[in-house]
Amino acid sequence: MTGRLLLLCPGQGGQHAGMFDLARTDAGARAFIDRCALPAEPQALFANRVAQPAIVAATLAMWLALKDALPAPALVVGYSIGELAAYGVAGALSPDDAVRLAQARAGMMDDAAAGAPQGLAAVSGIDVEHVRAVIGVAIVTGHDSCIAGGTAAQLDALPSHFPGARIQRLPVGVASHTALMAGAVAPFSHLLQATTFAPWRVPVLAGVDAARVLRADMAIDRLARQLQETIAWDACMDAASEAGITVALELGPGAALARMLQARQPRIACRSVADFHTLDGVARWVARAMD
């Protein structure tokens, strides 16, 4: 194989009741999912305290199910909460620790958000710097597309500020990656500092600056900062291309990251596990794409 593989770990938005089904066809992944003991009610999946650990668990369960059938990745990157899962894929965190950290992170973010309704909205068709002048920018996905974060009142006012833009509210109840999450940074940093990191098997691209992370101190710094700092997802996608990535696989749930990367870097072959019915089908596609 001559290609270079990137693994993509998604954030909130694509979770669904069947997101563990494919991974459960593998005995080891099934045991991990059962050990996580996540709430089973589909209606709870978009509550922040459920969504964050569930997405990390689903991503890492898929990795456990596929890792022996895939070539070693050259890079891993995670979108928002997916960055915790990325450290699990890289071997720096155990899957159980990654889920534990996701549960704690969600609780700390909910605590920081207490008192004022807030959330996120996808905004496109308007320069990101114009958006930044009005509301917090949580994630930059292109020069004219981003995820905005703020109070419910700020989000409600966006159509009047940008009548020509496309604006879609997201099913997320906290203003992730904005100054409204400042209260969660110190407690999460302290928790990370008390966590044991193992040697990295593959670099992780940090969301806040697309830096290649291979040390615990860098991971702790970037994971804590990203709670209140903008995620430069556009820079992460460009860094993957600059690193010579030729194939990208999104570990699911959902396929939003694969679609974004394909649109921005069309020379990279991109798919999500959500496109496949079997684990073998995923592995066979990766093998063909890597040749």
Protein backbone atom coordinates (compact mmCIF):
# COMPACT_ATOMS: atom_id res chain seq x y z
CA MET A 1 0.00 0.00 0.00
CA THR A 2 1.30 3.44 -0.96
CA GLY A 3 -1.38 5.72 0.50
CA ARG A 4 -1.49 7.63 3.78
CA LEU A 5 -4.58 7.18 5.93
CA LEU A 6 -6.33 9.84 8.02
CA LEU A 7 -8.95 8.85 10.60
CA LEU A 8 -11.69 11.38 11.33
CA CYS A 9 -13.52 11.42 14.68
CA PRO A 10 -16.85 13.29 14.57
CA GLY A 11 -18.49 15.67 16.99
CA GLN A 12 -22.11 16.16 17.96
CA GLY A 13 -24.90 16.21 15.41
CA GLY A 14 -24.81 12.84 13.67
CA GLN A 15 -25.71 10.61 16.62
CA HIS A 16 -28.66 8.23 16.22
CA ALA A 17 -30.19 5.18 17.88
CA GLY A 18 -28.43 2.70 15.60
CA MET A 19 -24.95 4.18 15.75
CA PHE A 20 -23.51 1.24 17.70
CA ASP A 21 -25.01 -1.49 15.52
CA LEU A 22 -22.13 -2.03 13.09
CA ALA A 23 -19.46 -1.97 15.81
CA ARG A 24 -21.48 -4.46 17.85
CA THR A 25 -20.84 -7.11 15.18
CA ASP A 26 -17.31 -7.31 16.65
CA ALA A 27 -17.05 -9.07 20.04
CA GLY A 28 -14.39 -6.77 21.50
CA ALA A 29 -16.21 -3.60 20.49
CA ARG A 30 -19.47 -5.02 21.83
CA ALA A 31 -17.87 -5.67 25.23
CA PHE A 32 -16.56 -2.09 25.32
CA ILE A 33 -19.99 -0.64 24.45
CA ASP A 34 -21.65 -2.72 27.16
CA ARG A 35 -19.01 -1.63 29.66
CA CYS A 36 -19.79 2.03 28.93
CA ALA A 37 -23.39 1.48 30.14
CA LEU A 38 -24.73 4.47 28.19
CA PRO A 39 -28.42 5.48 28.36
CA ALA A 40 -30.45 3.57 25.78
CA GLU A 41 -33.32 6.03 25.23
CA PRO A 42 -33.03 7.56 21.72
CA GLN A 43 -34.61 10.82 22.91
CA ALA A 44 -31.71 11.34 25.32
CA LEU A 45 -29.01 11.23 22.64
CA PHE A 46 -29.03 14.99 22.07
CA ALA A 47 -28.77 15.93 25.74
CA ASN A 48 -25.22 17.17 26.19
CA ARG A 49 -24.37 14.89 29.13
CA VAL A 50 -25.43 11.87 27.07
CA ALA A 51 -24.30 12.98 23.62
CA GLN A 52 -20.63 13.65 24.35
CA PRO A 53 -19.73 10.29 25.96
CA ALA A 54 -21.99 8.44 23.51
CA ILE A 55 -20.23 9.91 20.48
CA VAL A 56 -16.80 9.16 21.91
CA ALA A 57 -17.90 5.61 22.76
CA ALA A 58 -19.37 5.03 19.29
CA THR A 59 -16.22 6.33 17.58
CA LEU A 60 -13.86 4.25 19.69
CA ALA A 61 -16.06 1.15 19.43
CA MET A 62 -15.79 1.44 15.65
CA TRP A 63 -12.02 1.82 15.94
CA LEU A 64 -11.79 -1.27 18.15
CA ALA A 65 -13.85 -3.20 15.62
CA LEU A 66 -11.74 -2.09 12.63
CA LYS A 67 -8.19 -1.46 13.84
CA ASP A 68 -6.83 -4.94 13.12
CA ALA A 69 -8.23 -4.84 9.58
CA LEU A 70 -6.94 -1.38 8.63
CA PRO A 71 -3.46 -0.12 7.80
CA ALA A 72 -1.83 2.02 10.45
CA PRO A 73 -3.10 5.61 10.15
CA ALA A 74 -0.68 8.44 9.48
CA LEU A 75 -2.81 11.03 11.31
CA VAL A 76 -5.93 11.29 13.46
CA VAL A 77 -8.10 14.37 13.93
CA GLY A 78 -11.26 14.95 15.92
CA TYR A 79 -13.99 17.57 15.52
CA SER A 80 -14.98 19.18 18.84
CA ILE A 81 -15.71 16.34 21.32
CA GLY A 82 -14.24 14.04 18.67
CA GLU A 83 -10.79 15.29 19.66
CA LEU A 84 -11.02 13.20 22.83
CA ALA A 85 -11.85 10.15 20.73
CA ALA A 86 -8.87 10.97 18.50
CA TYR A 87 -6.51 10.56 21.45
CA GLY A 88 -8.12 7.18 22.09
CA VAL A 89 -7.51 6.14 18.48
CA ALA A 90 -3.91 7.37 18.76
CA GLY A 91 -3.36 5.16 21.82
CA ALA A 92 -2.67 8.12 24.12
CA LEU A 93 -5.88 7.51 26.12
CA SER A 94 -7.55 4.22 26.89
CA PRO A 95 -11.06 4.00 25.40
CA ASP A 96 -12.52 3.84 28.91
CA ASP A 97 -10.63 6.96 30.01
CA ALA A 98 -11.72 8.82 26.88
CA VAL A 99 -15.39 8.11 27.63
CA ARG A 100 -14.90 9.03 31.31
CA LEU A 101 -13.33 12.34 30.29
CA ALA A 102 -16.17 12.99 27.83
CA GLN A 103 -18.74 12.50 30.60
CA ALA A 104 -16.89 14.90 32.87
CA ARG A 105 -16.36 17.43 30.06
CA ALA A 106 -20.08 17.47 29.26
CA GLY A 107 -20.99 18.06 32.89
CA MET A 108 -18.48 20.89 33.25
CA MET A 109 -19.76 22.54 30.08
CA ASP A 110 -23.37 22.21 31.24
CA ASP A 111 -22.38 23.83 34.53
CA ALA A 112 -20.69 26.69 32.67
CA ALA A 113 -23.85 27.18 30.60
CA ALA A 114 -26.22 27.23 33.57
CA GLY A 115 -28.40 30.30 33.84
CA ALA A 116 -28.80 31.33 30.20
CA PRO A 117 -30.08 29.30 27.23
CA GLN A 118 -27.39 29.02 24.59
CA GLY A 119 -26.35 26.90 21.66
CA LEU A 120 -24.85 26.69 18.17
CA ALA A 121 -25.89 27.48 14.62
CA ALA A 122 -24.34 26.67 11.24
CA VAL A 123 -23.83 29.85 9.21
CA SER A 124 -22.78 29.91 5.56
CA GLY A 125 -22.72 32.41 2.72
CA ILE A 126 -21.16 35.18 4.81
CA ASP A 127 -17.52 35.99 5.58
CA VAL A 128 -16.50 34.44 8.89
CA GLU A 129 -14.98 37.71 10.10
CA HIS A 130 -18.36 39.42 9.72
CA VAL A 131 -19.90 36.68 11.85
CA ARG A 132 -17.16 37.06 14.45
CA ALA A 133 -18.01 40.75 14.82
CA VAL A 134 -21.54 39.80 15.94
CA ILE A 135 -21.29 36.51 17.83
CA GLY A 136 -18.74 33.91 18.93
CA VAL A 137 -17.33 31.69 16.20
CA ALA A 138 -17.07 28.15 17.51
CA ILE A 139 -15.74 26.33 14.45
CA VAL A 140 -14.38 27.66 11.16
CA THR A 141 -15.04 25.34 8.23
CA GLY A 142 -14.29 27.76 5.37
CA HIS A 143 -13.83 31.44 4.60
CA ASP A 144 -17.61 31.88 4.37
CA SER A 145 -18.87 29.03 6.56
CA CYS A 146 -18.70 28.42 10.29
CA ILE A 147 -20.48 27.28 13.41
CA ALA A 148 -21.53 30.25 15.55
CA GLY A 149 -22.05 29.97 19.29
CA GLY A 150 -23.78 32.22 21.75
CA THR A 151 -26.83 32.87 23.85
CA ALA A 152 -30.26 31.98 22.52
CA ALA A 153 -30.97 35.70 22.04
CA GLN A 154 -27.80 36.14 19.96
CA LEU A 155 -28.67 33.13 17.83
CA ASP A 156 -32.24 34.35 17.33
CA ALA A 157 -30.88 37.67 16.05
CA LEU A 158 -28.56 36.17 13.42
CA PRO A 159 -31.09 36.30 10.52
CA SER A 160 -31.55 40.04 11.05
CA HIS A 161 -27.78 40.59 11.02
CA PHE A 162 -27.18 38.43 7.96
CA PRO A 163 -30.35 38.32 5.82
CA GLY A 164 -28.54 36.71 2.88
CA ALA A 165 -26.85 33.95 4.86
CA ARG A 166 -27.96 30.35 5.37
CA ILE A 167 -28.49 29.78 9.09
CA GLN A 168 -29.43 26.50 10.75
CA ARG A 169 -29.73 25.98 14.50
CA LEU A 170 -27.99 22.82 15.71
CA PRO A 171 -29.24 20.36 18.35
CA VAL A 172 -26.54 21.36 20.85
CA GLY A 173 -27.44 23.10 24.11
CA VAL A 174 -24.08 24.71 24.93
CA ALA A 175 -22.03 27.36 23.13
CA SER A 176 -19.00 25.10 22.69
CA HIS A 177 -15.67 26.70 21.76
CA THR A 178 -16.70 30.21 22.77
CA ALA A 179 -16.00 32.47 25.75
CA LEU A 180 -19.26 31.29 27.33
CA MET A 181 -17.44 28.04 28.21
CA ALA A 182 -14.61 29.79 30.10
CA GLY A 183 -15.82 28.40 33.44
CA ALA A 184 -15.19 24.82 32.29
CA VAL A 185 -11.55 25.31 31.22
CA ALA A 186 -9.77 25.18 34.60
CA PRO A 187 -11.66 22.18 36.03
CA PHE A 188 -11.23 20.21 32.81
CA SER A 189 -7.53 21.08 32.68
CA HIS A 190 -7.11 19.81 36.24
CA LEU A 191 -8.86 16.56 35.34
CA LEU A 192 -6.64 16.10 32.29
CA GLN A 193 -3.52 16.70 34.36
CA ALA A 194 -4.59 13.87 36.67
CA THR A 195 -5.11 11.51 33.71
CA THR A 196 -2.48 9.01 32.59
CA PHE A 197 -1.49 9.36 28.94
CA ALA A 198 0.23 6.47 27.14
CA PRO A 199 2.79 6.81 24.32
CA TRP A 200 1.25 7.98 21.06
CA ARG A 201 1.11 5.54 18.14
CA VAL A 202 0.13 8.28 15.66
CA PRO A 203 0.04 12.10 15.77
CA VAL A 204 -3.22 13.92 16.52
CA LEU A 205 -4.02 17.23 14.86
CA ALA A 206 -5.21 19.72 17.50
CA GLY A 207 -8.42 21.52 16.66
CA VAL A 208 -7.44 24.98 17.88
CA ASP A 209 -4.32 25.31 15.72
CA ALA A 210 -3.86 22.12 13.63
CA ALA A 211 -0.60 21.39 15.50
CA ARG A 212 0.68 17.80 15.48
CA VAL A 213 0.36 16.57 19.06
CA LEU A 214 2.56 13.74 20.35
CA ARG A 215 3.02 14.70 24.02
CA ALA A 216 0.76 14.80 27.07
CA ASP A 217 1.50 18.44 27.89
CA MET A 218 0.46 19.52 24.40
CA ALA A 219 -2.68 17.38 24.56
CA ILE A 220 -3.72 18.78 27.94
CA ASP A 221 -3.16 22.35 26.74
CA ARG A 222 -5.10 21.92 23.47
CA LEU A 223 -7.98 19.90 24.95
CA ALA A 224 -8.56 22.46 27.70
CA ARG A 225 -8.20 25.48 25.42
CA GLN A 226 -10.64 24.16 22.85
CA LEU A 227 -13.54 24.46 25.30
CA GLN A 228 -13.48 28.25 24.88
CA GLU A 229 -11.39 28.77 21.72
CA THR A 230 -12.42 28.54 18.09
CA ILE A 231 -11.79 25.23 16.32
CA ALA A 232 -9.85 25.84 13.09
CA TRP A 233 -11.33 22.91 11.18
CA ASP A 234 -10.41 24.48 7.84
CA ALA A 235 -6.75 24.54 8.94
CA CYS A 236 -6.99 20.91 10.09
CA MET A 237 -8.26 19.81 6.69
CA ASP A 238 -5.49 21.73 4.96
CA ALA A 239 -2.85 20.30 7.32
CA ALA A 240 -4.00 16.79 6.46
CA SER A 241 -3.52 17.49 2.77
CA GLU A 242 -0.12 19.06 3.39
CA ALA A 243 0.90 15.91 5.29
CA GLY A 244 0.33 13.86 2.15
CA ILE A 245 -2.91 12.18 3.24
CA THR A 246 -4.49 10.30 0.33
CA VAL A 247 -7.34 8.42 2.07
CA ALA A 248 -9.65 9.50 4.91
CA LEU A 249 -12.11 7.39 6.86
CA GLU A 250 -14.65 8.92 9.23
CA LEU A 251 -15.33 6.56 12.12
CA GLY A 252 -18.89 7.80 12.57
CA PRO A 253 -21.58 8.37 13.57
CA GLY A 254 -22.56 10.42 10.55
CA ALA A 255 -20.58 11.45 7.49
CA ALA A 256 -20.32 15.24 7.79
CA LEU A 257 -16.53 15.30 8.19
CA ALA A 258 -15.92 13.08 5.17
CA ARG A 259 -18.18 15.31 3.05
CA MET A 260 -16.44 18.50 4.22
CA LEU A 261 -12.97 17.10 3.58
CA GLN A 262 -13.94 15.78 0.14
CA ALA A 263 -15.30 19.19 -0.83
CA ARG A 264 -12.21 21.06 0.39
CA GLN A 265 -9.54 18.53 -0.61
CA PRO A 266 -10.99 16.59 -3.57
CA ARG A 267 -7.78 14.65 -4.22
CA ILE A 268 -8.26 12.80 -0.90
CA ALA A 269 -10.52 9.74 -1.15
CA CYS A 270 -13.07 10.16 1.67
CA ARG A 271 -15.73 7.85 3.08
CA SER A 272 -17.49 7.29 6.39
CA VAL A 273 -18.21 3.97 8.06
CA ALA A 274 -21.83 5.15 7.85
CA ASP A 275 -21.65 4.39 4.11
CA PHE A 276 -21.13 0.66 4.69
CA HIS A 277 -23.18 -2.32 5.89
CA THR A 278 -20.30 -4.50 7.11
CA LEU A 279 -16.92 -4.07 8.75
CA ASP A 280 -15.38 -6.09 5.94
CA GLY A 281 -16.81 -3.64 3.43
CA VAL A 282 -15.09 -0.75 5.21
CA ALA A 283 -11.74 -2.57 5.29
CA ARG A 284 -11.95 -3.58 1.63
CA TRP A 285 -12.68 -0.01 0.53
CA VAL A 286 -9.75 1.36 2.52
CA ALA A 287 -7.43 -1.28 1.03
CA ARG A 288 -8.50 -0.41 -2.51
CA ALA A 289 -8.21 3.34 -1.90
CA MET A 290 -4.73 2.98 -0.40
CA ASP A 291 -3.29 1.15 -3.42
